[in-house]
Amino acid sequence: MIYEVSEGKTTTRIGLREVGESVYELSIDGKTCRVDAARSGRMIYSVVEEGHQYEAVVYERGSHGFDVLIAGRLFHLDAADERRKLLAQVSKVKAEGKQTISAQMPGKIVKLSVAVGDAVAEGQGLVVIEAMKMENEIPSPIDGRVVEIGVREGEAVETGATLLVVEPQA
C-alpha cells in the first residue's frame, strides 16, 4: 500500500508491505528497508531496523492523523492512502438536492453519529463502516438535515444499501 505522509508542508510517499509475520518492507523516497514491528502495548510499538531497536509511541488523531514519538522526536503525521486520495478528489464535486448515501462496499455499521432530524454540515461524519478490516467514516455530501436512516449499529450491509438520506436545508 502506498501512503502519502505529511508533516507540516512536507509530504513523503511511503510504501508499506507486509512480507512476513511482523516483518514489513518500508520504502521511503526510493530507499527500501525491512523492519520488524510488533505492538508491545496499547500505543507502543517495538521496531527493529538493521539491528537497532526503537520504541515508538503512536497516538491516533482522527481517522488518518497520528502523533508519533520515536527516539525523542515528536512527529505530527497525516496519512492518506491512494483510495482516500481518490475519494477526496471525487468529493470536490458539489452535490445538489436530496442525497441518498449508499454503502460503496459490503461491511458492518460500527457507529451512527447522527439521528433523524439532525442538522449536518458538508463533510461532517455521519456513519462509520468497517470494510476489509478498515473503518471508513462516511461524510455528508451537503449541508442539510438527516431525514432517513436505513441502518443500525452492528448491522451488516451489502453494496448499494441505503445508509442515510440528507435533504438540503430550506
Protein backbone atom coordinates (compact mmCIF):
# COMPACT_ATOMS: atom_id res chain seq x y z
CA MET A 1 0.00 0.00 0.00
CA ILE A 2 1.29 3.47 -0.88
CA TYR A 3 0.66 6.29 1.59
CA GLU A 4 1.34 9.99 1.41
CA VAL A 5 2.51 11.11 4.84
CA SER A 6 2.54 14.82 5.59
CA GLU A 7 4.35 16.61 8.36
CA GLY A 8 3.63 20.30 8.09
CA LYS A 9 4.25 21.32 4.48
CA THR A 10 6.47 18.31 3.71
CA THR A 11 4.85 15.29 2.04
CA THR A 12 6.60 11.95 1.61
CA ARG A 13 5.42 8.88 -0.29
CA ILE A 14 5.81 5.75 1.79
CA GLY A 15 5.31 2.19 0.60
CA LEU A 16 4.43 -0.38 3.22
CA ARG A 17 4.16 -4.10 2.51
CA GLU A 18 3.92 -6.95 4.99
CA VAL A 19 6.38 -9.65 3.94
CA GLY A 20 6.14 -11.93 6.96
CA GLU A 21 4.73 -12.12 10.45
CA SER A 22 5.52 -8.69 11.97
CA VAL A 23 8.07 -8.07 9.15
CA TYR A 24 7.49 -5.15 6.80
CA GLU A 25 9.21 -3.77 3.74
CA LEU A 26 9.25 0.01 4.00
CA SER A 27 10.07 2.31 1.06
CA ILE A 28 10.67 5.98 1.75
CA ASP A 29 11.70 8.30 -1.06
CA GLY A 30 13.07 5.37 -3.08
CA LYS A 31 15.05 3.81 -0.22
CA THR A 32 13.86 0.39 0.92
CA CYS A 33 14.47 -1.37 4.22
CA ARG A 34 12.95 -4.19 6.22
CA VAL A 35 11.72 -3.65 9.74
CA ASP A 36 10.36 -5.90 12.44
CA ALA A 37 7.49 -4.14 14.16
CA ALA A 38 5.35 -5.51 16.96
CA ARG A 39 2.86 -3.87 19.26
CA SER A 40 4.18 -4.05 22.81
CA GLY A 41 1.45 -2.00 24.45
CA ARG A 42 -1.79 -0.26 23.58
CA MET A 43 0.02 2.59 21.83
CA ILE A 44 3.61 1.33 21.96
CA TYR A 45 5.42 -0.42 19.13
CA SER A 46 8.81 -2.07 19.24
CA VAL A 47 10.64 -1.55 15.93
CA VAL A 48 13.91 -3.23 14.88
CA GLU A 49 15.70 -1.95 11.78
CA GLU A 50 19.22 -3.05 10.82
CA GLY A 51 19.93 -4.28 14.35
CA HIS A 52 18.79 -1.04 16.01
CA GLN A 53 15.76 -1.21 18.30
CA TYR A 54 13.40 1.72 18.69
CA GLU A 55 10.29 2.21 20.74
CA ALA A 56 7.55 4.23 19.08
CA VAL A 57 4.54 5.66 20.88
CA VAL A 58 1.66 6.26 18.46
CA TYR A 59 -1.34 8.44 19.29
CA GLU A 60 -4.18 8.44 16.76
CA ARG A 61 -5.60 11.85 15.84
CA GLY A 62 -8.83 11.23 13.96
CA SER A 63 -9.18 8.76 11.13
CA HIS A 64 -5.82 9.33 9.39
CA GLY A 65 -3.74 11.50 11.69
CA PHE A 66 -1.04 10.34 14.05
CA ASP A 67 1.37 11.79 16.57
CA VAL A 68 4.43 9.54 16.73
CA LEU A 69 7.11 9.84 19.40
CA ILE A 70 10.27 7.97 18.41
CA ALA A 71 13.86 8.43 19.56
CA GLY A 72 12.88 11.56 21.46
CA ARG A 73 11.32 13.29 18.43
CA LEU A 74 7.63 14.02 18.05
CA PHE A 75 6.16 13.85 14.55
CA HIS A 76 2.64 15.09 13.67
CA LEU A 77 1.64 13.00 10.66
CA ASP A 78 -1.34 12.85 8.33
CA ALA A 79 -1.51 9.72 6.18
CA ALA A 80 -3.64 9.18 3.08
CA ASP A 81 -3.65 6.02 1.03
CA GLU A 82 -4.41 6.07 -2.71
CA ARG A 83 -8.07 5.17 -2.13
CA ARG A 84 -8.56 8.07 0.29
CA LYS A 85 -6.89 10.50 -2.15
CA LEU A 86 -9.24 9.44 -4.95
CA LEU A 87 -12.25 9.82 -2.66
CA ALA A 88 -11.07 13.32 -1.71
CA GLN A 89 -10.85 14.29 -5.40
CA VAL A 90 -14.32 12.92 -6.13
CA SER A 91 -15.78 14.65 -3.08
CA LYS A 92 -14.80 18.06 -4.55
CA VAL A 93 -17.76 17.71 -6.93
CA LYS A 94 -20.62 19.72 -5.40
CA ALA A 95 -23.72 17.64 -4.68
CA GLU A 96 -27.17 19.23 -5.03
CA GLY A 97 -30.64 18.27 -3.89
CA LYS A 98 -31.71 15.37 -1.69
CA GLN A 99 -28.79 12.96 -1.20
CA THR A 100 -29.15 9.23 -0.66
CA ILE A 101 -25.92 7.92 0.85
CA SER A 102 -25.30 4.28 -0.05
CA ALA A 103 -22.72 1.69 1.01
CA GLN A 104 -19.93 1.58 -1.56
CA MET A 105 -18.88 -1.92 -0.42
CA PRO A 106 -20.18 -4.59 1.93
CA GLY A 107 -19.35 -4.04 5.58
CA LYS A 108 -20.56 -3.65 9.14
CA ILE A 109 -22.03 -0.47 10.64
CA VAL A 110 -19.72 0.41 13.53
CA LYS A 111 -21.16 3.79 14.53
CA LEU A 112 -24.04 6.10 13.67
CA SER A 113 -23.08 9.67 14.53
CA VAL A 114 -26.45 11.28 13.75
CA ALA A 115 -30.18 10.78 14.23
CA VAL A 116 -33.21 11.62 12.06
CA GLY A 117 -33.82 15.36 12.24
CA ASP A 118 -30.20 16.29 12.99
CA ALA A 119 -28.72 19.21 11.08
CA VAL A 120 -25.43 18.26 9.41
CA ALA A 121 -22.65 20.18 7.71
CA GLU A 122 -20.97 19.19 4.46
CA GLY A 123 -18.05 16.90 5.32
CA GLN A 124 -19.40 16.00 8.77
CA GLY A 125 -19.06 12.30 9.61
CA LEU A 126 -22.41 10.52 9.56
CA VAL A 127 -21.68 6.82 9.85
CA VAL A 128 -18.64 4.57 10.26
CA ILE A 129 -18.49 1.34 8.25
CA GLU A 130 -15.92 -1.41 8.80
CA ALA A 131 -14.95 -2.98 5.49
CA MET A 132 -11.86 -5.07 4.70
CA LYS A 133 -10.57 -4.58 8.27
CA MET A 134 -10.64 -0.78 7.88
CA GLU A 135 -13.05 1.69 9.43
CA ASN A 136 -14.36 4.23 6.92
CA GLU A 137 -16.19 7.35 8.05
CA ILE A 138 -18.83 8.44 5.54
CA PRO A 139 -19.26 12.24 5.41
CA SER A 140 -22.29 14.29 4.49
CA PRO A 141 -22.09 15.49 0.88
CA ILE A 142 -24.15 18.64 1.68
CA ASP A 143 -25.28 20.95 4.44
CA GLY A 144 -28.72 19.71 5.39
CA ARG A 145 -30.87 17.64 7.69
CA VAL A 146 -30.97 13.85 8.12
CA VAL A 147 -34.43 12.69 7.00
CA GLU A 148 -33.93 8.93 6.94
CA ILE A 149 -31.58 6.35 8.44
CA GLY A 150 -31.67 2.93 6.81
CA VAL A 151 -29.24 1.04 9.10
CA ARG A 152 -28.49 0.20 12.75
CA GLU A 153 -25.18 -0.09 14.57
CA GLY A 154 -23.83 -3.64 14.34
CA GLU A 155 -25.79 -4.39 11.17
CA ALA A 156 -24.07 -5.93 8.13
CA VAL A 157 -24.76 -4.11 4.85
CA GLU A 158 -24.29 -5.01 1.21
CA THR A 159 -23.01 -2.77 -1.57
CA GLY A 160 -25.70 -0.27 -2.55
CA ALA A 161 -27.61 -0.43 0.74
CA THR A 162 -29.13 2.93 1.73
CA LEU A 163 -27.34 4.22 4.81
CA LEU A 164 -28.88 7.68 5.20
CA VAL A 165 -30.79 10.33 3.33
CA VAL A 166 -29.88 14.01 3.77
CA GLU A 167 -32.04 16.88 2.46
CA PRO A 168 -30.69 20.36 1.89
CA GLN A 169 -31.85 22.92 4.44
CA ALA A 170 -34.53 25.20 3.06
